[in-house]
Structure formats: structure tokens, C-alpha cells
Protein backbone atom coordinates (compact mmCIF):
# COMPACT_ATOMS: atom_id res chain seq x y z
CA UNK A 1 16.72 15.54 -20.48
CA UNK A 2 18.11 11.99 -20.36
CA UNK A 3 18.47 9.35 -17.67
CA UNK A 4 22.13 8.71 -16.87
CA UNK A 5 22.03 6.59 -13.70
CA UNK A 6 19.64 4.26 -11.88
CA UNK A 7 20.38 3.16 -8.30
CA UNK A 8 18.82 0.49 -6.08
CA UNK A 9 19.37 1.32 -2.39
CA UNK A 10 18.88 -1.48 0.19
CA UNK A 11 17.16 -0.17 3.33
CA UNK A 12 16.36 -1.89 6.63
CA UNK A 13 14.39 0.04 9.25
CA UNK A 14 13.04 -0.95 12.66
CA UNK A 15 9.28 -1.65 12.60
CA UNK A 16 6.79 -1.61 15.47
CA UNK A 17 3.75 -3.60 14.37
CA UNK A 18 3.50 -7.18 13.09
CA UNK A 19 0.00 -7.06 11.72
CA UNK A 20 -0.55 -9.57 8.94
CA UNK A 21 -2.61 -12.70 9.36
CA UNK A 22 0.32 -14.90 8.35
CA UNK A 23 2.84 -13.21 10.61
CA UNK A 24 4.66 -11.50 7.75
CA UNK A 25 5.67 -7.89 8.32
CA UNK A 26 8.81 -6.23 7.17
CA UNK A 27 10.53 -2.86 7.06
CA UNK A 28 13.08 -4.01 4.49
CA UNK A 29 12.82 -1.79 1.43
CA UNK A 30 14.56 -0.88 -1.79
CA UNK A 31 14.73 2.83 -2.52
CA UNK A 32 15.17 3.86 -6.14
CA UNK A 33 17.13 6.92 -7.23
CA UNK A 34 17.22 8.05 -10.87
CA UNK A 35 19.64 10.75 -12.01
CA UNK A 36 19.44 12.80 -15.22
CA UNK A 37 21.96 14.71 -17.29
CA UNK A 38 20.35 17.98 -16.20
CA UNK A 39 20.89 17.23 -12.52
CA UNK A 40 17.23 16.48 -11.74
CA UNK A 41 17.02 13.47 -9.41
CA UNK A 42 13.94 11.38 -8.67
CA UNK A 43 13.37 8.97 -5.78
CA UNK A 44 10.78 6.31 -4.99
CA UNK A 45 10.00 3.20 -2.97
CA UNK A 46 7.54 0.40 -3.71
CA UNK A 47 7.33 -0.64 -0.07
CA UNK A 48 8.44 -4.00 1.22
CA UNK A 49 8.77 -7.02 -1.07
CA UNK A 50 6.81 -10.03 0.16
CA UNK A 51 8.05 -13.31 -1.30
CA UNK A 52 5.06 -15.21 0.08
CA UNK A 53 2.51 -13.31 -1.99
CA UNK A 54 4.26 -12.18 -5.15
CA UNK A 55 7.74 -13.59 -5.25
CA UNK A 56 9.84 -10.49 -4.63
CA UNK A 57 12.53 -9.89 -2.03
CA UNK A 58 14.90 -7.03 -1.50
CA UNK A 59 17.50 -9.03 -3.42
CA UNK A 60 15.31 -9.65 -6.45
CA UNK A 61 14.11 -6.05 -6.53
CA UNK A 62 17.67 -4.74 -6.55
CA UNK A 63 18.82 -7.28 -9.14
CA UNK A 64 15.93 -6.47 -11.48
CA UNK A 65 16.45 -2.73 -11.18
CA UNK A 66 20.20 -2.92 -11.83
CA UNK A 67 20.30 -5.54 -14.56
CA UNK A 68 16.91 -5.58 -16.27
CA UNK A 69 15.01 -2.32 -15.82
CA UNK A 70 17.99 0.01 -15.45
CA UNK A 71 19.48 -0.68 -18.90
CA UNK A 72 16.04 -0.04 -20.44
CA UNK A 73 15.95 3.42 -18.86
CA UNK A 74 19.43 4.73 -19.64
CA UNK A 75 19.41 7.40 -22.30
CA UNK A 76 15.64 7.78 -22.17
CA UNK A 77 13.70 10.98 -21.47
CA UNK A 78 12.21 10.53 -17.96
CA UNK A 79 9.20 12.65 -18.90
CA UNK A 80 8.02 9.87 -21.23
CA UNK A 81 6.59 7.93 -18.30
CA UNK A 82 4.05 5.93 -20.29
CA UNK A 83 6.69 4.76 -22.74
CA UNK A 84 9.04 3.73 -19.95
CA UNK A 85 6.32 1.87 -18.04
CA UNK A 86 5.62 -0.17 -21.15
CA UNK A 87 9.34 -0.75 -21.69
CA UNK A 88 9.59 -2.17 -18.18
CA UNK A 89 6.65 -4.49 -18.84
CA UNK A 90 8.20 -5.73 -22.07
CA UNK A 91 11.55 -6.26 -20.37
CA UNK A 92 10.19 -8.39 -17.50
CA UNK A 93 6.81 -9.61 -16.28
CA UNK A 94 5.46 -9.05 -12.75
CA UNK A 95 8.09 -7.58 -10.32
CA UNK A 96 5.69 -4.81 -9.33
CA UNK A 97 7.64 -3.56 -6.31
CA UNK A 98 10.68 -2.94 -8.50
CA UNK A 99 8.61 -1.31 -11.24
CA UNK A 100 6.62 0.88 -8.86
CA UNK A 101 9.75 2.30 -7.23
CA UNK A 102 10.96 3.31 -10.69
CA UNK A 103 7.52 4.69 -11.62
CA UNK A 104 7.49 6.89 -8.50
CA UNK A 105 10.99 8.18 -9.23
CA UNK A 106 9.96 9.07 -12.79
CA UNK A 107 6.93 11.01 -11.52
CA UNK A 108 9.21 12.72 -9.01
CA UNK A 109 11.54 13.84 -11.82
CA UNK A 110 8.65 15.00 -14.01
CA UNK A 111 7.12 17.03 -11.21
CA UNK A 112 10.45 18.63 -10.33
CA UNK A 113 11.19 19.41 -13.98
CA UNK A 114 7.80 21.06 -14.44
CA UNK A 115 7.70 22.63 -10.98
CA UNK A 116 4.44 20.94 -9.91
CA UNK A 117 3.40 18.33 -7.30
CA UNK A 118 2.94 14.79 -8.58
CA UNK A 119 -0.83 14.96 -8.15
CA UNK A 120 -0.95 17.56 -10.92
CA UNK A 121 0.58 14.97 -13.26
CA UNK A 122 -2.27 12.62 -12.35
CA UNK A 123 -5.00 15.06 -13.35
CA UNK A 124 -4.96 17.62 -10.56
CA UNK A 125 -6.36 17.69 -7.07
CA UNK A 126 -9.79 16.05 -6.78
CA UNK A 127 -9.90 16.45 -2.98
CA UNK A 128 -7.88 18.23 -0.33
CA UNK A 129 -7.31 15.14 1.80
CA UNK A 130 -7.97 11.39 1.75
CA UNK A 131 -9.93 9.84 4.65
CA UNK A 132 -8.05 6.82 5.98
CA UNK A 133 -8.48 3.85 8.30
CA UNK A 134 -5.87 1.57 9.81
CA UNK A 135 -5.13 -2.09 10.37
CA UNK A 136 -5.44 -3.88 13.68
CA UNK A 137 -2.86 -6.62 14.31
CA UNK A 138 -3.91 -10.26 14.06
CA UNK A 139 -4.73 -12.13 17.26
CA UNK A 140 -3.43 -15.68 17.63
CA UNK A 141 -5.07 -16.73 20.89
CA UNK A 142 -7.76 -15.50 23.27
CA UNK A 143 -5.42 -16.45 26.10
CA UNK A 144 -3.09 -13.63 25.07
CA UNK A 145 -4.92 -11.10 27.22
CA UNK A 146 -2.09 -8.57 27.08
CA UNK A 147 -2.23 -8.42 23.29
CA UNK A 148 -6.02 -8.20 23.37
CA UNK A 149 -5.82 -5.23 25.71
CA UNK A 150 -3.11 -3.62 23.58
CA UNK A 151 -5.08 -4.07 20.35
CA UNK A 152 -8.32 -2.78 21.87
CA UNK A 153 -6.47 0.28 23.16
CA UNK A 154 -4.99 0.84 19.69
CA UNK A 155 -8.48 0.64 18.19
CA UNK A 156 -10.01 3.06 20.70
CA UNK A 157 -7.08 5.50 20.50
CA UNK A 158 -7.14 5.42 16.70
CA UNK A 159 -10.82 6.30 16.54
CA UNK A 160 -10.28 9.10 19.06
CA UNK A 161 -7.45 10.37 16.83
CA UNK A 162 -9.86 10.64 13.90
CA UNK A 163 -9.17 7.37 12.05
CA UNK A 164 -12.27 6.55 10.01
CA UNK A 165 -12.28 2.74 9.98
CA UNK A 166 -10.61 -0.37 11.39
CA UNK A 167 -9.48 -3.35 9.32
CA UNK A 168 -8.71 -6.49 11.32
CA UNK A 169 -6.07 -8.92 10.13
CA UNK A 170 -7.71 -12.34 10.51
CA UNK A 171 -7.22 -15.93 9.38
CA UNK A 172 -4.09 -16.59 11.43
CA UNK A 173 -6.06 -18.25 14.25
CA UNK A 174 -9.23 -20.31 14.60
CA UNK A 175 -12.31 -18.39 13.34
CA UNK A 176 -13.76 -18.39 16.86
CA UNK A 177 -10.76 -16.32 17.97
CA UNK A 178 -11.27 -13.84 15.13
CA UNK A 179 -14.98 -13.56 15.90
CA UNK A 180 -14.51 -12.92 19.60
CA UNK A 181 -11.69 -10.46 18.89
CA UNK A 182 -13.98 -8.58 16.51
CA UNK A 183 -16.80 -8.58 19.08
CA UNK A 184 -14.58 -7.19 21.84
CA UNK A 185 -13.37 -4.32 19.69
CA UNK A 186 -16.89 -3.55 18.48
CA UNK A 187 -17.98 -3.37 22.10
CA UNK A 188 -15.10 -0.99 22.86
CA UNK A 189 -15.48 1.43 19.91
CA UNK A 190 -19.26 1.42 19.61
CA UNK A 191 -21.76 0.82 16.81
CA UNK A 192 -20.86 3.68 14.49
CA UNK A 193 -17.30 2.72 13.52
CA UNK A 194 -16.74 1.12 10.12
CA UNK A 195 -15.10 -2.28 10.74
CA UNK A 196 -13.65 -4.65 8.13
CA UNK A 197 -11.56 -7.83 8.06
CA UNK A 198 -8.68 -8.86 5.81
CA UNK A 199 -7.99 -12.61 5.70
CA UNK A 200 -5.03 -12.34 3.30
CA UNK A 201 -6.34 -15.36 1.35
CA UNK A 202 -6.28 -17.58 4.46
CA UNK A 203 -9.69 -19.27 4.23
CA UNK A 204 -11.37 -21.82 2.01
CA UNK A 205 -14.86 -20.78 0.78
CA UNK A 206 -16.77 -22.72 3.46
CA UNK A 207 -14.69 -21.30 6.31
CA UNK A 208 -14.98 -17.83 4.80
CA UNK A 209 -18.76 -18.01 4.54
CA UNK A 210 -19.21 -19.35 8.07
CA UNK A 211 -16.83 -16.84 9.62
CA UNK A 212 -18.16 -13.82 7.75
CA UNK A 213 -21.72 -14.75 8.75
CA UNK A 214 -20.62 -14.86 12.39
CA UNK A 215 -18.92 -11.49 12.08
CA UNK A 216 -21.98 -9.96 10.47
CA UNK A 217 -23.72 -10.22 13.85
CA UNK A 218 -21.37 -7.45 14.99
CA UNK A 219 -21.92 -5.28 11.91
CA UNK A 220 -19.04 -6.35 9.68
CA UNK A 221 -18.89 -3.91 6.78
CA UNK A 222 -16.64 -5.83 4.39
CA UNK A 223 -14.27 -8.79 4.07
CA UNK A 224 -11.08 -8.48 2.04
CA UNK A 225 -9.35 -11.39 0.26
CA UNK A 226 -11.23 -14.18 2.05
CA UNK A 227 -9.92 -16.97 -0.24
CA UNK A 228 -6.75 -17.60 -2.28
CA UNK A 229 -6.32 -15.32 -5.27
CA UNK A 230 -6.48 -18.20 -7.76
CA UNK A 231 -9.90 -19.34 -6.49
CA UNK A 232 -12.15 -16.94 -8.38
CA UNK A 233 -15.03 -19.46 -8.31
CA UNK A 234 -14.64 -19.70 -4.54
CA UNK A 235 -14.68 -15.92 -4.25
CA UNK A 236 -17.89 -15.81 -6.30
CA UNK A 237 -19.42 -18.39 -3.96
CA UNK A 238 -18.50 -16.34 -0.90
CA UNK A 239 -19.76 -13.14 -2.52
CA UNK A 240 -23.16 -14.69 -3.22
CA UNK A 241 -23.48 -16.25 0.24
CA UNK A 242 -22.89 -13.34 2.63
CA UNK A 243 -24.34 -9.90 3.29
CA UNK A 244 -21.05 -8.14 4.01
CA UNK A 245 -19.34 -6.54 1.04
CA UNK A 246 -16.42 -8.41 -0.54
CA UNK A 247 -13.17 -6.63 -1.40
CA UNK A 248 -10.79 -8.06 -4.00
CA UNK A 249 -7.11 -7.39 -3.36
CA UNK A 250 -4.56 -10.05 -4.39
CA UNK A 251 -6.97 -11.52 -6.96
CA UNK A 252 -7.15 -8.09 -8.57
CA UNK A 253 -3.71 -6.64 -7.96
CA UNK A 254 -3.32 -5.65 -11.63
CA UNK A 255 -5.59 -4.16 -14.27
CA UNK A 256 -5.96 -7.61 -15.82
CA UNK A 257 -6.97 -9.06 -12.47
CA UNK A 258 -9.51 -6.30 -11.93
CA UNK A 259 -11.13 -7.07 -15.27
CA UNK A 260 -11.36 -10.78 -14.36
CA UNK A 261 -13.09 -9.93 -11.06
CA UNK A 262 -15.55 -7.64 -12.84
CA UNK A 263 -16.38 -10.28 -15.44
CA UNK A 264 -16.92 -12.94 -12.79
CA UNK A 265 -19.00 -10.71 -10.51
CA UNK A 266 -16.73 -11.89 -7.68
CA UNK A 267 -16.55 -8.77 -5.48
CA UNK A 268 -18.16 -5.46 -4.62
CA UNK A 269 -15.06 -3.27 -4.52
CA UNK A 270 -11.30 -3.23 -4.96
CA UNK A 271 -8.35 -2.71 -2.63
CA UNK A 272 -5.76 -1.02 -4.83
CA UNK A 273 -2.17 -1.06 -3.62
CA UNK A 274 -0.50 1.49 -5.85
CA UNK A 275 2.86 -0.28 -5.54
CA UNK A 276 1.36 -3.72 -6.12
CA UNK A 277 -0.29 -2.44 -9.30
CA UNK A 278 3.07 -1.22 -10.62
CA UNK A 279 3.00 2.47 -9.70
CA UNK A 280 1.05 5.65 -10.36
CA UNK A 281 0.71 5.27 -14.13
CA UNK A 282 -0.78 1.77 -13.92
CA UNK A 283 -2.94 2.65 -10.91
CA UNK A 284 -4.61 5.48 -12.79
CA UNK A 285 -5.59 2.94 -15.46
CA UNK A 286 -6.82 0.59 -12.74
CA UNK A 287 -9.04 3.26 -11.17
CA UNK A 288 -10.53 4.08 -14.57
CA UNK A 289 -11.45 0.43 -15.11
CA UNK A 290 -13.06 0.24 -11.66
CA UNK A 291 -14.99 3.45 -12.25
CA UNK A 292 -16.27 2.16 -15.59
CA UNK A 293 -17.62 -0.89 -13.72
CA UNK A 294 -19.03 1.35 -10.95
CA UNK A 295 -16.97 -0.53 -8.33
CA UNK A 296 -15.53 1.52 -5.44
CA UNK A 297 -11.78 1.57 -4.79
CA UNK A 298 -9.95 1.95 -1.48
CA UNK A 299 -6.19 2.44 -1.35
CA UNK A 300 -3.90 0.03 0.47
CA UNK A 301 -0.25 0.17 1.50
CA UNK A 302 2.80 -1.98 0.94
CA UNK A 303 4.20 -1.48 4.43
CA UNK A 304 6.34 1.47 3.45
CA UNK A 305 7.31 4.47 5.53
CA UNK A 306 7.23 8.11 4.42
CA UNK A 307 8.63 7.69 0.91
CA UNK A 308 5.92 5.25 -0.19
CA UNK A 309 3.32 7.28 1.71
CA UNK A 310 4.13 10.34 -0.38
CA UNK A 311 3.25 8.49 -3.60
CA UNK A 312 0.06 7.02 -2.13
CA UNK A 313 -1.07 10.41 -0.86
CA UNK A 314 -0.59 12.08 -4.25
CA UNK A 315 -2.65 9.31 -5.84
CA UNK A 316 -5.32 9.46 -3.15
CA UNK A 317 -6.07 13.16 -3.60
CA UNK A 318 -5.77 13.15 -7.41
CA UNK A 319 -8.10 10.29 -8.35
CA UNK A 320 -11.68 11.30 -7.65
CA UNK A 321 -13.02 7.73 -7.79
CA UNK A 322 -10.90 6.36 -4.94
CA UNK A 323 -11.56 6.99 -1.29
CA UNK A 324 -15.34 7.46 -1.48
CA UNK A 325 -15.54 4.77 1.20
CA UNK A 326 -13.31 5.81 4.14
CA UNK A 327 -11.50 2.49 4.43
CA UNK A 328 -8.20 3.23 2.68
CA UNK A 329 -5.29 1.90 4.72
CA UNK A 330 -2.43 3.86 3.12
CA UNK A 331 -1.00 4.83 6.51
CA UNK A 332 2.33 3.00 6.40
CA UNK A 333 4.23 5.43 8.66
CA UNK A 334 1.71 4.91 11.47
CA UNK A 335 2.51 1.19 11.43
CA UNK A 336 6.24 1.56 10.91
CA UNK A 337 6.65 4.00 13.80
CA UNK A 338 3.78 2.86 16.03
CA UNK A 339 2.05 6.26 16.20
CA UNK A 340 -1.43 7.74 15.68
CA UNK A 341 -0.36 10.57 13.38
CA UNK A 342 2.82 11.79 11.68
CA UNK A 343 3.41 14.86 13.85
CA UNK A 344 6.01 13.17 16.06
CA UNK A 345 7.68 11.52 13.05
CA UNK A 346 8.31 14.91 11.50
CA UNK A 347 9.17 16.68 14.74
CA UNK A 348 11.68 14.06 15.85
CA UNK A 349 13.02 13.35 12.34
CA UNK A 350 12.39 9.61 12.69
CA UNK A 351 12.14 8.81 8.99
CA UNK A 352 14.72 8.77 6.20
CA UNK A 353 13.24 11.67 4.26
CA UNK A 354 12.97 15.43 4.49
CA UNK A 355 9.45 16.72 3.92
CA UNK A 356 6.44 14.52 4.68
CA UNK A 357 3.02 13.32 3.59
CA UNK A 358 1.05 14.20 6.70
CA UNK A 359 -1.47 11.91 8.34
CA UNK A 360 -3.50 13.85 10.89
CA UNK A 361 -6.98 13.44 12.41
CA UNK A 362 -7.79 10.56 10.09
CA UNK A 363 -6.76 12.18 6.81
CA UNK A 364 -3.74 11.79 4.53
CA UNK A 365 -2.26 14.84 2.79
CA UNK A 366 0.34 14.92 0.01
CA UNK A 367 3.49 17.03 0.30
CA UNK A 368 3.18 20.32 -1.57
CA UNK A 369 6.64 20.54 -3.10
CA UNK A 370 7.41 19.66 -6.72
CA UNK A 371 7.40 15.97 -7.65
CA UNK A 372 6.74 13.76 -4.65
CA UNK A 373 7.66 16.68 -2.42
CA UNK A 374 10.23 14.81 -0.33
CA UNK A 375 14.00 14.26 -0.43
CA UNK A 376 16.24 11.59 1.06
CA UNK A 377 18.10 12.37 4.27
CA UNK A 378 21.40 10.98 3.02
CA UNK A 379 22.94 10.55 6.46
CA UNK A 380 20.00 8.53 7.75
CA UNK A 381 19.94 6.50 4.56
CA UNK A 382 23.58 5.56 5.14
CA UNK A 383 22.73 4.53 8.70
CA UNK A 384 19.90 2.27 7.49
CA UNK A 385 21.64 0.50 4.62
CA UNK A 386 20.92 -3.22 4.90
CA UNK A 387 23.92 -4.93 6.54
CA UNK A 388 25.98 -6.92 4.07
CA UNK A 389 24.49 -5.18 1.02
CA UNK A 390 25.56 -2.19 -1.01
CA UNK A 391 23.89 0.23 -3.39
CA UNK A 392 23.62 -1.29 -6.87
CA UNK A 393 24.20 1.12 -9.76
CA UNK A 394 23.32 1.02 -13.44
CA UNK A 395 24.85 3.86 -15.41
CA UNK A 396 26.14 4.81 -18.80
């Protein structure tokens, strides 16, 4: 079996929640479709490309897939996933969203060719379902009482729906706003709910230490990415100065970054975004490194809808080391469609795929079909093509 065509499909969907601490939230994606000479087709999506954090946009992702990665794949056997992942890395550095979409499509092809779900390719099923949490949108001002009420309701409804933890986006406003916001939600959901914050690198070490100490009064479990990713010394300082656990995300987005965090003793656990790490192949390596260091791993999300969710769910049930702490936030469809589970998404055919990775009662489940277990709804894909852009094709 040989790869004969690689396509980059520009997608723009309507999103419901703007949750990040820097006001960046997007439902602009690039879907990847890889075709083989035997008619087996694989699809994948690395989620949304965020120029602010890692220099990718929909335009760069499509350009890299068509003109850099695509030519490296043509004529290759798609079952040789490890070889092709290394070929991508040798062809171009970084560009993880582009590479992960290709990685997912390759796993989709392999699973379809062998007649097994993608989680089998990752070592089999370590658990039936992955316990998940969800993000709460950032709060800019305590005077925005309507948003406070909306966010508190989302928190309470999510816990009632079975969600296991809440991760607050913070750092967009003054720390006193974040602290009071955290207190109000704690009061609403009670003492037993696991609550975390994600500053998305917004603080300096002093602000991080002061704010985390304030939040600890309301039983803060962990703080994610409190300082910029380049400030490893600052992260170490924060880690040594607070009682809450520290989660490394951007500073440890790759296997190399994870090793640097381990060596520095800069965090207690990792937030692994499968797409940000480059896909399923690289993420399995990442989890092995974390396990060797005895550092827990929770799984994040790159803002994708059902197609990215399928890949994350396969990873989440296959890798025994991840998900021991129920704070994984790989629940992209809940944020994209503004819902508490995926039942209505499937019932009302809201997404661009057929088949779905269910999220119900606080757990994520992978599709059971071969490969990723989902297929594109071609008509809906056509309706959601990004205006002014067209599908880019690399073929023999």
C-alpha cells in the first residue's frame, strides 16, 4: 500500500466558548486527508493553530502539509508510521499541528487496513473510559455579574453532569479577580470538587506565587503554566514556594521539553496535548518518559471538535499512565458546541463527522470502528470550508 495523495482542508466552524486567559479561542482548523493506492483513506485534525503560542495558523499548516510534508509522504507505505514521523521531523522543525493531523490520518489508515481501532495500535485498551474535567472561561472583571452567574452555572451543571474537575482560565485579569472568581465557584460546587487553574504563561514568578497562595485558601489542587515557557528557573521558584501542585504544559510540549522539566525538578505533573506533541506516535514516547520519571500526565485539547476528540480518546484509553488524576480536559466538542455531553451533538448531527467519540457522565470513550472510527460528512465539510480558501492537494 502506497500514499498517492495528501490534502489539507481549511475548516471554519462556529464556536460557543471563549475560554483562554488571553482571549484567544478559535474554531478554525485544518483537516488532513491521506489517500492510498488501495483506496484506504485516513483523516485527522490537529485542532486549531494558535500563532500566539507556537507560530502556526491555518495558512501555515496548509502550506506545510502541501509543500513540505506531503512530498515526503508520497509513495510511502502509510503503515510505517514511525518512519514517516521521523521523515516529517527531518523535513521541518516544530509545526506540530500540521504534523499531528498527518499522524492521526496515518493511524486511521493503519487501523482501517488492519481492521482494528486506533487504540489497539497504541498497545491495546488499558481502560474502558477516560475520566475528564473541563475548562471554565476566564473572567475579566468582577463587575461582569452576568458572566459570573453564567460561569458559576456552567461549573455547577458540569459537576452535576458527572464532570470530574474544573480548570479555571486565569491571568487575563488582576489576581484579585481570579481569586474571588475561584472562591465563588468553590462556594457553589462544594469542597469535594477538584479545582485547578491554568494561567497560560501569564504571570511572572512573584505574581504566580502570591496568587497561588491566595487560591490555596480555597483548596486549589494544581496550577498549570503559571509563568512563560522559557522561564524554567522561574517555574522552579514557583514550584518550591507553593503547596499546590504545578503542571507543566507549554514548557514541556515536546519530549525534549518534558526531559528538561524533569531534570530541573520544575513541576509535579505534565499536561500533554497530543496534537501539540506532534500526534499519537510522539505522545506515546512522551508518556513513557513521564512514567519513567514517575510524573503523572493529564491530557489536554487543542480546541478541536469531534475529529480531534477521536484521536485524544483513543490515546486516553490506551495509555495506562495517563488519566490517573481526573483532570484531563480533552473535551473539545463540549466547548465547541456549548454542551455538557455529546448526546445532542450526535443526535442533531452538529459536527462534520459521522461516528463519534462520546463524552458522557464525565467520561470520554473512543469510537469502536476501525482506525479513528469516524468519517467526514462531505456535505457538511463543504459547507464549512473557510471562505476565500480552497483545499490544497499534494499528489503524484
